[in-house]
């Protein structure tokens, strides 16, 4: 039993999976933040373009 417990404490494969999970979570948070910021900027640009197109006279 003591040997099994010692082997469990030395096993780091679960720690590696947790680290990869944390890295993936941080990357996804960064992507979401960037997409939110970029989405607002693109929305503003399209609104300006739409306003200019509505004000243009047909030729």
N, C-alpha and C. Protein backbone atom coordinates (compact mmCIF):
# COMPACT_ATOMS: atom_id res chain seq x y z
N UNK A 1 0.83 -1.20 0.00
CA UNK A 1 0.00 0.00 0.00
C UNK A 1 0.87 1.25 0.00
N UNK A 2 1.94 1.22 0.77
CA UNK A 2 2.85 2.36 0.83
C UNK A 2 3.50 2.60 -0.52
N UNK A 3 3.84 1.51 -1.21
CA UNK A 3 4.47 1.61 -2.52
C UNK A 3 3.49 2.22 -3.53
N UNK A 4 2.23 1.83 -3.46
CA UNK A 4 1.21 2.35 -4.37
C UNK A 4 1.02 3.86 -4.15
N UNK A 5 0.99 4.29 -2.90
CA UNK A 5 0.83 5.71 -2.59
C UNK A 5 2.03 6.52 -3.06
N UNK A 6 3.24 5.98 -2.90
CA UNK A 6 4.45 6.67 -3.35
C UNK A 6 4.46 6.80 -4.87
N UNK A 7 4.02 5.74 -5.57
CA UNK A 7 3.96 5.79 -7.02
C UNK A 7 2.92 6.83 -7.48
N UNK A 8 1.81 6.92 -6.76
CA UNK A 8 0.77 7.90 -7.09
C UNK A 8 1.29 9.33 -6.95
N UNK A 9 2.08 9.59 -5.93
CA UNK A 9 2.63 10.93 -5.72
C UNK A 9 3.65 11.32 -6.79
N UNK A 10 4.37 10.32 -7.32
CA UNK A 10 5.38 10.61 -8.34
C UNK A 10 4.80 10.71 -9.74
N UNK A 11 3.59 10.22 -9.94
CA UNK A 11 2.98 10.23 -11.27
C UNK A 11 2.58 11.66 -11.63
N UNK A 12 3.12 12.18 -12.75
CA UNK A 12 2.85 13.55 -13.16
C UNK A 12 2.04 13.64 -14.44
N UNK A 13 1.51 12.54 -14.92
CA UNK A 13 0.76 12.58 -16.18
C UNK A 13 -0.52 13.39 -16.04
N UNK A 14 -1.18 13.33 -14.90
CA UNK A 14 -2.38 14.14 -14.68
C UNK A 14 -2.06 15.63 -14.63
N UNK A 15 -0.92 15.96 -14.05
CA UNK A 15 -0.51 17.37 -13.97
C UNK A 15 -0.28 17.94 -15.37
N UNK A 16 0.27 17.14 -16.25
CA UNK A 16 0.50 17.60 -17.62
C UNK A 16 -0.82 17.88 -18.32
N UNK A 17 -1.80 17.00 -18.12
CA UNK A 17 -3.11 17.22 -18.74
C UNK A 17 -3.75 18.49 -18.20
N UNK A 18 -3.61 18.73 -16.92
CA UNK A 18 -4.17 19.96 -16.32
C UNK A 18 -3.47 21.19 -16.89
N UNK A 19 -2.16 21.12 -17.05
CA UNK A 19 -1.43 22.26 -17.61
C UNK A 19 -1.88 22.54 -19.04
N UNK A 20 -2.06 21.50 -19.84
CA UNK A 20 -2.54 21.70 -21.21
C UNK A 20 -3.95 22.29 -21.20
N UNK A 21 -4.76 21.86 -20.27
CA UNK A 21 -6.11 22.42 -20.16
C UNK A 21 -6.09 23.89 -19.80
N UNK A 22 -5.20 24.27 -18.88
CA UNK A 22 -5.08 25.68 -18.51
C UNK A 22 -4.56 26.52 -19.67
N UNK A 23 -3.61 26.00 -20.40
CA UNK A 23 -3.09 26.73 -21.56
C UNK A 23 -4.19 26.93 -22.60
N UNK A 24 -4.97 25.88 -22.86
CA UNK A 24 -6.07 25.98 -23.83
C UNK A 24 -7.10 26.99 -23.36
N UNK A 25 -7.38 27.02 -22.06
CA UNK A 25 -8.35 27.98 -21.53
C UNK A 25 -7.85 29.41 -21.69
N UNK A 26 -6.57 29.64 -21.41
CA UNK A 26 -6.02 30.98 -21.57
C UNK A 26 -6.02 31.44 -23.02
N UNK A 27 -5.70 30.52 -23.92
CA UNK A 27 -5.72 30.86 -25.34
C UNK A 27 -7.13 31.21 -25.78
N UNK A 28 -8.11 30.43 -25.33
CA UNK A 28 -9.49 30.70 -25.73
C UNK A 28 -9.99 32.02 -25.16
N UNK A 29 -9.59 32.37 -23.95
CA UNK A 29 -9.97 33.67 -23.38
C UNK A 29 -9.36 34.79 -24.22
N UNK A 30 -8.12 34.63 -24.64
CA UNK A 30 -7.48 35.64 -25.49
C UNK A 30 -8.18 35.78 -26.83
N UNK A 31 -8.57 34.66 -27.41
CA UNK A 31 -9.27 34.71 -28.70
C UNK A 31 -10.62 35.38 -28.55
N UNK A 32 -11.34 35.06 -27.48
CA UNK A 32 -12.65 35.68 -27.25
C UNK A 32 -12.51 37.18 -27.04
N UNK A 33 -11.52 37.59 -26.26
CA UNK A 33 -11.31 39.02 -26.03
C UNK A 33 -10.95 39.74 -27.32
N UNK A 34 -10.08 39.14 -28.11
CA UNK A 34 -9.69 39.75 -29.38
C UNK A 34 -10.85 39.83 -30.36
N UNK A 35 -11.65 38.77 -30.42
CA UNK A 35 -12.79 38.76 -31.34
C UNK A 35 -13.83 39.78 -30.91
N UNK A 36 -14.03 39.93 -29.62
CA UNK A 36 -14.99 40.92 -29.13
C UNK A 36 -14.54 42.34 -29.50
N UNK A 37 -13.27 42.61 -29.29
CA UNK A 37 -12.74 43.93 -29.62
C UNK A 37 -12.79 44.19 -31.12
N UNK A 38 -12.38 43.21 -31.89
CA UNK A 38 -12.38 43.36 -33.34
C UNK A 38 -13.80 43.45 -33.87
N UNK A 39 -14.72 42.69 -33.27
CA UNK A 39 -16.12 42.74 -33.71
C UNK A 39 -16.73 44.11 -33.52
N UNK A 40 -16.41 44.76 -32.41
CA UNK A 40 -16.93 46.11 -32.19
C UNK A 40 -16.39 47.09 -33.20
N UNK A 41 -15.13 46.95 -33.53
CA UNK A 41 -14.52 47.84 -34.52
C UNK A 41 -15.11 47.61 -35.90
N UNK A 42 -15.31 46.36 -36.27
CA UNK A 42 -15.89 46.05 -37.59
C UNK A 42 -17.34 46.53 -37.64
N UNK A 43 -18.08 46.37 -36.55
CA UNK A 43 -19.47 46.84 -36.51
C UNK A 43 -19.53 48.34 -36.72
N UNK A 44 -18.65 49.06 -36.08
CA UNK A 44 -18.61 50.52 -36.23
C UNK A 44 -18.30 50.90 -37.67
N UNK A 45 -17.35 50.22 -38.28
CA UNK A 45 -16.98 50.51 -39.66
C UNK A 45 -18.15 50.26 -40.61
N UNK A 46 -18.85 49.13 -40.44
CA UNK A 46 -19.98 48.83 -41.32
C UNK A 46 -21.14 49.81 -41.10
N UNK A 47 -21.34 50.25 -39.86
CA UNK A 47 -22.39 51.24 -39.61
C UNK A 47 -22.08 52.56 -40.32
N UNK A 48 -20.82 52.99 -40.28
CA UNK A 48 -20.42 54.21 -40.98
C UNK A 48 -20.61 54.06 -42.48
N UNK A 49 -20.22 52.91 -43.01
CA UNK A 49 -20.35 52.65 -44.44
C UNK A 49 -21.82 52.63 -44.84
N UNK A 50 -22.65 51.99 -44.03
CA UNK A 50 -24.08 51.95 -44.33
C UNK A 50 -24.72 53.32 -44.32
N UNK A 51 -24.29 54.16 -43.37
CA UNK A 51 -24.82 55.53 -43.32
C UNK A 51 -24.43 56.31 -44.56
N UNK A 52 -23.19 56.15 -45.00
CA UNK A 52 -22.75 56.86 -46.21
C UNK A 52 -23.49 56.36 -47.45
N UNK A 53 -23.73 55.06 -47.51
CA UNK A 53 -24.42 54.49 -48.67
C UNK A 53 -25.89 54.93 -48.70
N UNK A 54 -26.51 55.06 -47.54
CA UNK A 54 -27.90 55.52 -47.49
C UNK A 54 -28.01 56.97 -47.91
N UNK A 55 -26.98 57.76 -47.64
CA UNK A 55 -27.01 59.17 -47.99
C UNK A 55 -26.60 59.44 -49.43
N UNK A 56 -26.07 58.44 -50.11
CA UNK A 56 -25.63 58.64 -51.50
C UNK A 56 -26.83 58.68 -52.43
N UNK A 57 -26.76 59.56 -53.40
CA UNK A 57 -27.85 59.69 -54.37
C UNK A 57 -27.65 58.67 -55.49
N UNK A 58 -28.72 58.03 -55.92
CA UNK A 58 -28.57 57.09 -57.05
C UNK A 58 -28.23 57.84 -58.33
N UNK A 59 -27.40 57.23 -59.15
CA UNK A 59 -27.00 57.93 -60.38
C UNK A 59 -27.72 57.44 -61.59
